[in-house]
Amino acid sequence: MIVHSEKTLTFRASGEFADQTRMFAKSADLALSEYIRDAVREKNERQIADRMRFLSRRLAAESVRINQEFEATAGDGIA
């Protein structure tokens, strides 16, 4: 059984930002805390996806480099 403990996050925001966020939460028929959790979760998922794309491109570039090294040595007579 996995037990998840909940933590509290606090941050400061301008009145305009807070009012706008409350308005959007209400229009989405969500509690403010749920709206904020969803927004942060979505941002976190985008950050993870961006990091995975970056690492994938880096790995692909390294793979190309290594393949080119193998191709360059293919005719050197070493079996």
PDB file of N, CA and C in Angstrom:
ATOM      1  N   MET A   1       0.839  -1.177   0.000  1.00  0.00           N
ATOM      2  CA  MET A   1       0.000   0.000   0.000  1.00  0.00           C
ATOM      3  C   MET A   1       0.884   1.240   0.000  1.00  0.00           C
ATOM      4  N   ILE A   2       0.618   2.137  -0.938  1.00  0.00           N
ATOM      5  CA  ILE A   2       1.389   3.379  -1.049  1.00  0.00           C
ATOM      6  C   ILE A   2       0.627   4.484  -0.326  1.00  0.00           C
ATOM      7  N   VAL A   3       1.330   5.156   0.566  1.00  0.00           N
ATOM      8  CA  VAL A   3       0.729   6.265   1.296  1.00  0.00           C
ATOM      9  C   VAL A   3       1.375   7.552   0.800  1.00  0.00           C
ATOM     10  N   HIS A   4       0.542   8.466   0.340  1.00  0.00           N
ATOM     11  CA  HIS A   4       1.035   9.752  -0.132  1.00  0.00           C
ATOM     12  C   HIS A   4       0.729  10.803   0.924  1.00  0.00           C
ATOM     13  N   SER A   5       1.757  11.453   1.391  1.00  0.00           N
ATOM     14  CA  SER A   5       1.503  12.539   2.335  1.00  0.00           C
ATOM     15  C   SER A   5       1.338  13.832   1.548  1.00  0.00           C
ATOM     16  N   GLU A   6       0.434  14.644   1.986  1.00  0.00           N
ATOM     17  CA  GLU A   6       0.183  15.905   1.299  1.00  0.00           C
ATOM     18  C   GLU A   6       1.003  17.007   1.947  1.00  0.00           C
ATOM     19  N   LYS A   7       1.505  17.871   1.135  1.00  0.00           N
ATOM     20  CA  LYS A   7       2.296  19.016   1.571  1.00  0.00           C
ATOM     21  C   LYS A   7       1.564  20.280   1.154  1.00  0.00           C
ATOM     22  N   THR A   8       1.871  21.349   1.808  1.00  0.00           N
ATOM     23  CA  THR A   8       1.276  22.637   1.482  1.00  0.00           C
ATOM     24  C   THR A   8       2.285  23.485   0.734  1.00  0.00           C
ATOM     25  N   LEU A   9       1.846  24.074  -0.366  1.00  0.00           N
ATOM     26  CA  LEU A   9       2.656  25.023  -1.111  1.00  0.00           C
ATOM     27  C   LEU A   9       2.005  26.395  -0.950  1.00  0.00           C
ATOM     28  N   THR A  10       2.809  27.380  -0.714  1.00  0.00           N
ATOM     29  CA  THR A  10       2.285  28.746  -0.645  1.00  0.00           C
ATOM     30  C   THR A  10       3.122  29.633  -1.547  1.00  0.00           C
ATOM     31  N   PHE A  11       2.476  30.624  -2.115  1.00  0.00           N
ATOM     32  CA  PHE A  11       3.188  31.582  -2.945  1.00  0.00           C
ATOM     33  C   PHE A  11       2.441  32.899  -2.924  1.00  0.00           C
ATOM     34  N   ARG A  12       3.144  33.933  -3.234  1.00  0.00           N
ATOM     35  CA  ARG A  12       2.538  35.258  -3.285  1.00  0.00           C
ATOM     36  C   ARG A  12       2.147  35.566  -4.725  1.00  0.00           C
ATOM     37  N   ALA A  13       1.013  36.232  -4.862  1.00  0.00           N
ATOM     38  CA  ALA A  13       0.530  36.609  -6.190  1.00  0.00           C
ATOM     39  C   ALA A  13      -0.142  37.967  -6.086  1.00  0.00           C
ATOM     40  N   SER A  14      -0.148  38.672  -7.182  1.00  0.00           N
ATOM     41  CA  SER A  14      -0.820  39.971  -7.193  1.00  0.00           C
ATOM     42  C   SER A  14      -2.319  39.762  -7.019  1.00  0.00           C
ATOM     43  N   GLY A  15      -3.001  40.799  -6.598  1.00  0.00           N
ATOM     44  CA  GLY A  15      -4.449  40.725  -6.463  1.00  0.00           C
ATOM     45  C   GLY A  15      -5.122  40.404  -7.775  1.00  0.00           C
ATOM     46  N   GLU A  16      -4.622  40.999  -8.839  1.00  0.00           N
ATOM     47  CA  GLU A  16      -5.188  40.745 -10.171  1.00  0.00           C
ATOM     48  C   GLU A  16      -5.050  39.276 -10.557  1.00  0.00           C
ATOM     49  N   PHE A  17      -3.859  38.720 -10.310  1.00  0.00           N
ATOM     50  CA  PHE A  17      -3.619  37.309 -10.621  1.00  0.00           C
ATOM     51  C   PHE A  17      -4.536  36.415  -9.796  1.00  0.00           C
ATOM     52  N   ALA A  18      -4.646  36.702  -8.517  1.00  0.00           N
ATOM     53  CA  ALA A  18      -5.503  35.904  -7.633  1.00  0.00           C
ATOM     54  C   ALA A  18      -6.960  35.988  -8.064  1.00  0.00           C
ATOM     55  N   ASP A  19      -7.426  37.189  -8.378  1.00  0.00           N
ATOM     56  CA  ASP A  19      -8.818  37.362  -8.809  1.00  0.00           C
ATOM     57  C   ASP A  19      -9.077  36.619 -10.118  1.00  0.00           C
ATOM     58  N   GLN A  20      -8.155  36.751 -11.046  1.00  0.00           N
ATOM     59  CA  GLN A  20      -8.312  36.081 -12.339  1.00  0.00           C
ATOM     60  C   GLN A  20      -8.322  34.565 -12.158  1.00  0.00           C
ATOM     61  N   THR A  21      -7.440  34.059 -11.311  1.00  0.00           N
ATOM     62  CA  THR A  21      -7.360  32.618 -11.068  1.00  0.00           C
ATOM     63  C   THR A  21      -8.653  32.120 -10.419  1.00  0.00           C
ATOM     64  N   ARG A  22      -9.158  32.861  -9.449  1.00  0.00           N
ATOM     65  CA  ARG A  22     -10.444  32.481  -8.827  1.00  0.00           C
ATOM     66  C   ARG A  22     -11.567  32.449  -9.873  1.00  0.00           C
ATOM     67  N   MET A  23     -11.571  33.454 -10.752  1.00  0.00           N
ATOM     68  CA  MET A  23     -12.609  33.524 -11.788  1.00  0.00           C
ATOM     69  C   MET A  23     -12.527  32.307 -12.714  1.00  0.00           C
ATOM     70  N   PHE A  24     -11.325  31.964 -13.148  1.00  0.00           N
ATOM     71  CA  PHE A  24     -11.167  30.809 -14.037  1.00  0.00           C
ATOM     72  C   PHE A  24     -11.536  29.509 -13.325  1.00  0.00           C
ATOM     73  N   ALA A  25     -11.170  29.376 -12.079  1.00  0.00           N
ATOM     74  CA  ALA A  25     -11.520  28.177 -11.318  1.00  0.00           C
ATOM     75  C   ALA A  25     -13.036  28.053 -11.222  1.00  0.00           C
ATOM     76  N   LYS A  26     -13.677  29.170 -10.919  1.00  0.00           N
ATOM     77  CA  LYS A  26     -15.139  29.156 -10.798  1.00  0.00           C
ATOM     78  C   LYS A  26     -15.793  28.811 -12.135  1.00  0.00           C
ATOM     79  N   SER A  27     -15.284  29.396 -13.223  1.00  0.00           N
ATOM     80  CA  SER A  27     -15.874  29.116 -14.534  1.00  0.00           C
ATOM     81  C   SER A  27     -15.639  27.667 -14.959  1.00  0.00           C
ATOM     82  N   ALA A  28     -14.597  27.048 -14.440  1.00  0.00           N
ATOM     83  CA  ALA A  28     -14.333  25.629 -14.722  1.00  0.00           C
ATOM     84  C   ALA A  28     -15.047  24.724 -13.720  1.00  0.00           C
ATOM     85  N   ASP A  29     -15.788  25.330 -12.812  1.00  0.00           N
ATOM     86  CA  ASP A  29     -16.525  24.608 -11.772  1.00  0.00           C
ATOM     87  C   ASP A  29     -15.588  23.743 -10.927  1.00  0.00           C
ATOM     88  N   LEU A  30     -14.442  24.346 -10.582  1.00  0.00           N
ATOM     89  CA  LEU A  30     -13.455  23.663  -9.747  1.00  0.00           C
ATOM     90  C   LEU A  30     -13.172  24.500  -8.507  1.00  0.00           C
ATOM     91  N   ALA A  31     -12.823  23.810  -7.438  1.00  0.00           N
ATOM     92  CA  ALA A  31     -12.328  24.519  -6.262  1.00  0.00           C
ATOM     93  C   ALA A  31     -11.012  25.186  -6.661  1.00  0.00           C
ATOM     94  N   LEU A  32     -10.727  26.311  -6.040  1.00  0.00           N
ATOM     95  CA  LEU A  32      -9.497  27.041  -6.359  1.00  0.00           C
ATOM     96  C   LEU A  32      -8.270  26.145  -6.213  1.00  0.00           C
ATOM     97  N   SER A  33      -8.205  25.388  -5.133  1.00  0.00           N
ATOM     98  CA  SER A  33      -7.036  24.522  -4.911  1.00  0.00           C
ATOM     99  C   SER A  33      -6.916  23.459  -6.008  1.00  0.00           C
ATOM    100  N   GLU A  34      -8.043  22.911  -6.450  1.00  0.00           N
ATOM    101  CA  GLU A  34      -8.001  21.904  -7.517  1.00  0.00           C
ATOM    102  C   GLU A  34      -7.558  22.529  -8.836  1.00  0.00           C
ATOM    103  N   TYR A  35      -8.056  23.727  -9.115  1.00  0.00           N
ATOM    104  CA  TYR A  35      -7.668  24.439 -10.329  1.00  0.00           C
ATOM    105  C   TYR A  35      -6.158  24.688 -10.341  1.00  0.00           C
ATOM    106  N   ILE A  36      -5.633  25.136  -9.210  1.00  0.00           N
ATOM    107  CA  ILE A  36      -4.189  25.407  -9.126  1.00  0.00           C
ATOM    108  C   ILE A  36      -3.400  24.110  -9.242  1.00  0.00           C
ATOM    109  N   ARG A  37      -3.852  23.040  -8.575  1.00  0.00           N
ATOM    110  CA  ARG A  37      -3.157  21.742  -8.693  1.00  0.00           C
ATOM    111  C   ARG A  37      -3.123  21.279 -10.143  1.00  0.00           C
ATOM    112  N   ASP A  38      -4.268  21.398 -10.837  1.00  0.00           N
ATOM    113  CA  ASP A  38      -4.325  20.991 -12.246  1.00  0.00           C
ATOM    114  C   ASP A  38      -3.361  21.818 -13.095  1.00  0.00           C
ATOM    115  N   ALA A  39      -3.325  23.128 -12.852  1.00  0.00           N
ATOM    116  CA  ALA A  39      -2.448  24.003 -13.632  1.00  0.00           C
ATOM    117  C   ALA A  39      -0.979  23.664 -13.393  1.00  0.00           C
ATOM    118  N   VAL A  40      -0.614  23.431 -12.150  1.00  0.00           N
ATOM    119  CA  VAL A  40       0.784  23.098 -11.834  1.00  0.00           C
ATOM    120  C   VAL A  40       1.132  21.726 -12.398  1.00  0.00           C
ATOM    121  N   ARG A  41       0.207  20.772 -12.278  1.00  0.00           N
ATOM    122  CA  ARG A  41       0.438  19.425 -12.832  1.00  0.00           C
ATOM    123  C   ARG A  41       0.670  19.508 -14.343  1.00  0.00           C
ATOM    124  N   GLU A  42      -0.167  20.306 -15.014  1.00  0.00           N
ATOM    125  CA  GLU A  42      -0.019  20.466 -16.465  1.00  0.00           C
ATOM    126  C   GLU A  42       1.332  21.082 -16.816  1.00  0.00           C
ATOM    127  N   LYS A  43       1.738  22.095 -16.076  1.00  0.00           N
ATOM    128  CA  LYS A  43       3.044  22.730 -16.310  1.00  0.00           C
ATOM    129  C   LYS A  43       4.175  21.733 -16.056  1.00  0.00           C
ATOM    130  N   ASN A  44       4.071  20.961 -14.972  1.00  0.00           N
ATOM    131  CA  ASN A  44       5.093  19.955 -14.672  1.00  0.00           C
ATOM    132  C   ASN A  44       5.198  18.929 -15.796  1.00  0.00           C
ATOM    133  N   GLU A  45       4.054  18.491 -16.314  1.00  0.00           N
ATOM    134  CA  GLU A  45       4.058  17.516 -17.409  1.00  0.00           C
ATOM    135  C   GLU A  45       4.703  18.093 -18.661  1.00  0.00           C
ATOM    136  N   ARG A  46       4.462  19.370 -18.945  1.00  0.00           N
ATOM    137  CA  ARG A  46       5.115  20.012 -20.100  1.00  0.00           C
ATOM    138  C   ARG A  46       6.619  20.085 -19.886  1.00  0.00           C
ATOM    139  N   GLN A  47       7.042  20.405 -18.664  1.00  0.00           N
ATOM    140  CA  GLN A  47       8.479  20.473 -18.366  1.00  0.00           C
ATOM    141  C   GLN A  47       9.135  19.105 -18.551  1.00  0.00           C
ATOM    142  N   ILE A  48       8.464  18.060 -18.078  1.00  0.00           N
ATOM    143  CA  ILE A  48       8.997  16.701 -18.229  1.00  0.00           C
ATOM    144  C   ILE A  48       9.087  16.331 -19.708  1.00  0.00           C
ATOM    145  N   ALA A  49       8.042  16.641 -20.470  1.00  0.00           N
ATOM    146  CA  ALA A  49       8.040  16.339 -21.908  1.00  0.00           C
ATOM    147  C   ALA A  49       9.152  17.107 -22.621  1.00  0.00           C
ATOM    148  N   ASP A  50       9.336  18.375 -22.263  1.00  0.00           N
ATOM    149  CA  ASP A  50      10.412  19.173 -22.862  1.00  0.00           C
ATOM    150  C   ASP A  50      11.774  18.555 -22.554  1.00  0.00           C
ATOM    151  N   ARG A  51      11.963  18.116 -21.316  1.00  0.00           N
ATOM    152  CA  ARG A  51      13.236  17.503 -20.918  1.00  0.00           C
ATOM    153  C   ARG A  51      13.462  16.197 -21.674  1.00  0.00           C
ATOM    154  N   MET A  52      12.406  15.409 -21.833  1.00  0.00           N
ATOM    155  CA  MET A  52      12.528  14.149 -22.568  1.00  0.00           C
ATOM    156  C   MET A  52      12.869  14.405 -24.030  1.00  0.00           C
ATOM    157  N   ARG A  53      12.258  15.439 -24.645  1.00  0.00           N
ATOM    158  CA  ARG A  53      12.591  15.770 -26.035  1.00  0.00           C
ATOM    159  C   ARG A  53      14.051  16.194 -26.150  1.00  0.00           C
ATOM    160  N   PHE A  54      14.503  17.017 -25.204  1.00  0.00           N
ATOM    161  CA  PHE A  54      15.898  17.462 -25.212  1.00  0.00           C
ATOM    162  C   PHE A  54      16.846  16.264 -25.111  1.00  0.00           C
ATOM    163  N   LEU A  55      16.579  15.388 -24.152  1.00  0.00           N
ATOM    164  CA  LEU A  55      17.456  14.225 -23.971  1.00  0.00           C
ATOM    165  C   LEU A  55      17.397  13.289 -25.166  1.00  0.00           C
ATOM    166  N   SER A  56      16.229  13.138 -25.761  1.00  0.00           N
ATOM    167  CA  SER A  56      16.085  12.289 -26.940  1.00  0.00           C
ATOM    168  C   SER A  56      16.906  12.833 -28.104  1.00  0.00           C
ATOM    169  N   ARG A  57      16.838  14.145 -28.313  1.00  0.00           N
ATOM    170  CA  ARG A  57      17.636  14.756 -29.395  1.00  0.00           C
ATOM    171  C   ARG A  57      19.127  14.592 -29.125  1.00  0.00           C
ATOM    172  N   ARG A  58      19.519  14.761 -27.865  1.00  0.00           N
ATOM    173  CA  ARG A  58      20.928  14.612 -27.520  1.00  0.00           C
ATOM    174  C   ARG A  58      21.393  13.178 -27.737  1.00  0.00           C
ATOM    175  N   LEU A  59      20.572  12.214 -27.356  1.00  0.00           N
ATOM    176  CA  LEU A  59      20.910  10.810 -27.553  1.00  0.00           C
ATOM    177  C   LEU A  59      20.980  10.468 -29.038  1.00  0.00           C
ATOM    178  N   ALA A  60      20.039  11.006 -29.825  1.00  0.00           N
ATOM    179  CA  ALA A  60      20.047  10.749 -31.269  1.00  0.00           C
ATOM    180  C   ALA A  60      21.320  11.311 -31.900  1.00  0.00           C
ATOM    181  N   ALA A  61      21.707  12.521 -31.484  1.00  0.00           N
ATOM    182  CA  ALA A  61      22.928  13.128 -32.026  1.00  0.00           C
ATOM    183  C   ALA A  61      24.151  12.292 -31.655  1.00  0.00           C
ATOM    184  N   GLU A  62      24.199  11.796 -30.438  1.00  0.00           N
ATOM    185  CA  GLU A  62      25.319  10.959 -30.001  1.00  0.00           C
ATOM    186  C   GLU A  62      25.330   9.646 -30.773  1.00  0.00           C
ATOM    187  N   SER A  63      24.158   9.092 -31.026  1.00  0.00           N
ATOM    188  CA  SER A  63      24.061   7.853 -31.797  1.00  0.00           C
ATOM    189  C   SER A  63      24.573   8.060 -33.219  1.00  0.00           C
ATOM    190  N   VAL A  64      24.213   9.185 -33.837  1.00  0.00           N
ATOM    191  CA  VAL A  64      24.692   9.509 -35.188  1.00  0.00           C
ATOM    192  C   VAL A  64      26.215   9.626 -35.176  1.00  0.00           C
ATOM    193  N   ARG A  65      26.737  10.316 -34.160  1.00  0.00           N
ATOM    194  CA  ARG A  65      28.194  10.498 -34.062  1.00  0.00           C
ATOM    195  C   ARG A  65      28.898   9.144 -33.958  1.00  0.00           C
ATOM    196  N   ILE A  66      28.384   8.274 -33.118  1.00  0.00           N
ATOM    197  CA  ILE A  66      29.007   6.955 -32.936  1.00  0.00           C
ATOM    198  C   ILE A  66      28.893   6.131 -34.215  1.00  0.00           C
ATOM    199  N   ASN A  67      27.746   6.178 -34.864  1.00  0.00           N
ATOM    200  CA  ASN A  67      27.586   5.448 -36.132  1.00  0.00           C
ATOM    201  C   ASN A  67      28.552   5.962 -37.188  1.00  0.00           C
ATOM    202  N   GLN A  68      28.769   7.258 -37.238  1.00  0.00           N
ATOM    203  CA  GLN A  68      29.723   7.823 -38.198  1.00  0.00           C
ATOM    204  C   GLN A  68      31.131   7.346 -37.900  1.00  0.00           C
ATOM    205  N   GLU A  69      31.478   7.229 -36.617  1.00  0.00           N
ATOM    206  CA  GLU A  69      32.804   6.714 -36.255  1.00  0.00           C
ATOM    207  C   GLU A  69      32.958   5.269 -36.718  1.00  0.00           C
ATOM    208  N   PHE A  70      31.917   4.461 -36.525  1.00  0.00           N
ATOM    209  CA  PHE A  70      31.974   3.068 -36.986  1.00  0.00           C
ATOM    210  C   PHE A  70      32.087   3.001 -38.501  1.00  0.00           C
ATOM    211  N   GLU A  71      31.328   3.821 -39.199  1.00  0.00           N
ATOM    212  CA  GLU A  71      31.378   3.850 -40.665  1.00  0.00           C
ATOM    213  C   GLU A  71      32.764   4.254 -41.139  1.00  0.00           C
ATOM    214  N   ALA A  72      33.384   5.186 -40.445  1.00  0.00           N
ATOM    215  CA  ALA A  72      34.713   5.672 -40.847  1.00  0.00           C
ATOM    216  C   ALA A  72      35.769   4.584 -40.689  1.00  0.00           C
ATOM    217  N   THR A  73      35.534   3.664 -39.763  1.00  0.00           N
ATOM    218  CA  THR A  73      36.524   2.594 -39.538  1.00  0.00           C
ATOM    219  C   THR A  73      36.145   1.297 -40.259  1.00  0.00           C
ATOM    220  N   ALA A  74      35.045   1.286 -40.995  1.00  0.00           N
ATOM    221  CA  ALA A  74      34.579   0.049 -41.642  1.00  0.00           C
ATOM    222  C   ALA A  74      35.575  -0.489 -42.659  1.00  0.00           C
ATOM    223  N   GLY A  75      36.321   0.365 -43.311  1.00  0.00           N
ATOM    224  CA  GLY A  75      37.251  -0.104 -44.338  1.00  0.00           C
ATOM    225  C   GLY A  75      38.687  -0.146 -43.885  1.00  0.00           C
ATOM    226  N   ASP A  76      38.947  -0.150 -42.584  1.00  0.00           N
ATOM    227  CA  ASP A  76      40.332  -0.101 -42.120  1.00  0.00           C
ATOM    228  C   ASP A  76      40.981  -1.467 -42.017  1.00  0.00           C
ATOM    229  N   GLY A  77      40.268  -2.516 -42.425  1.00  0.00           N
ATOM    230  CA  GLY A  77      40.857  -3.837 -42.470  1.00  0.00           C
ATOM    231  C   GLY A  77      40.755  -4.624 -41.173  1.00  0.00           C
ATOM    232  N   ILE A  78      40.205  -4.029 -40.149  1.00  0.00           N
ATOM    233  CA  ILE A  78      40.033  -4.737 -38.881  1.00  0.00           C
ATOM    234  C   ILE A  78      38.686  -5.417 -38.919  1.00  0.00           C
ATOM    235  N   ALA A  79      38.672  -6.717 -38.675  1.00  0.00           N
ATOM    236  CA  ALA A  79      37.409  -7.473 -38.729  1.00  0.00           C
ATOM    237  C   ALA A  79      36.712  -7.492 -37.412  1.00  0.00           C
TER     238      ALA A  79
END
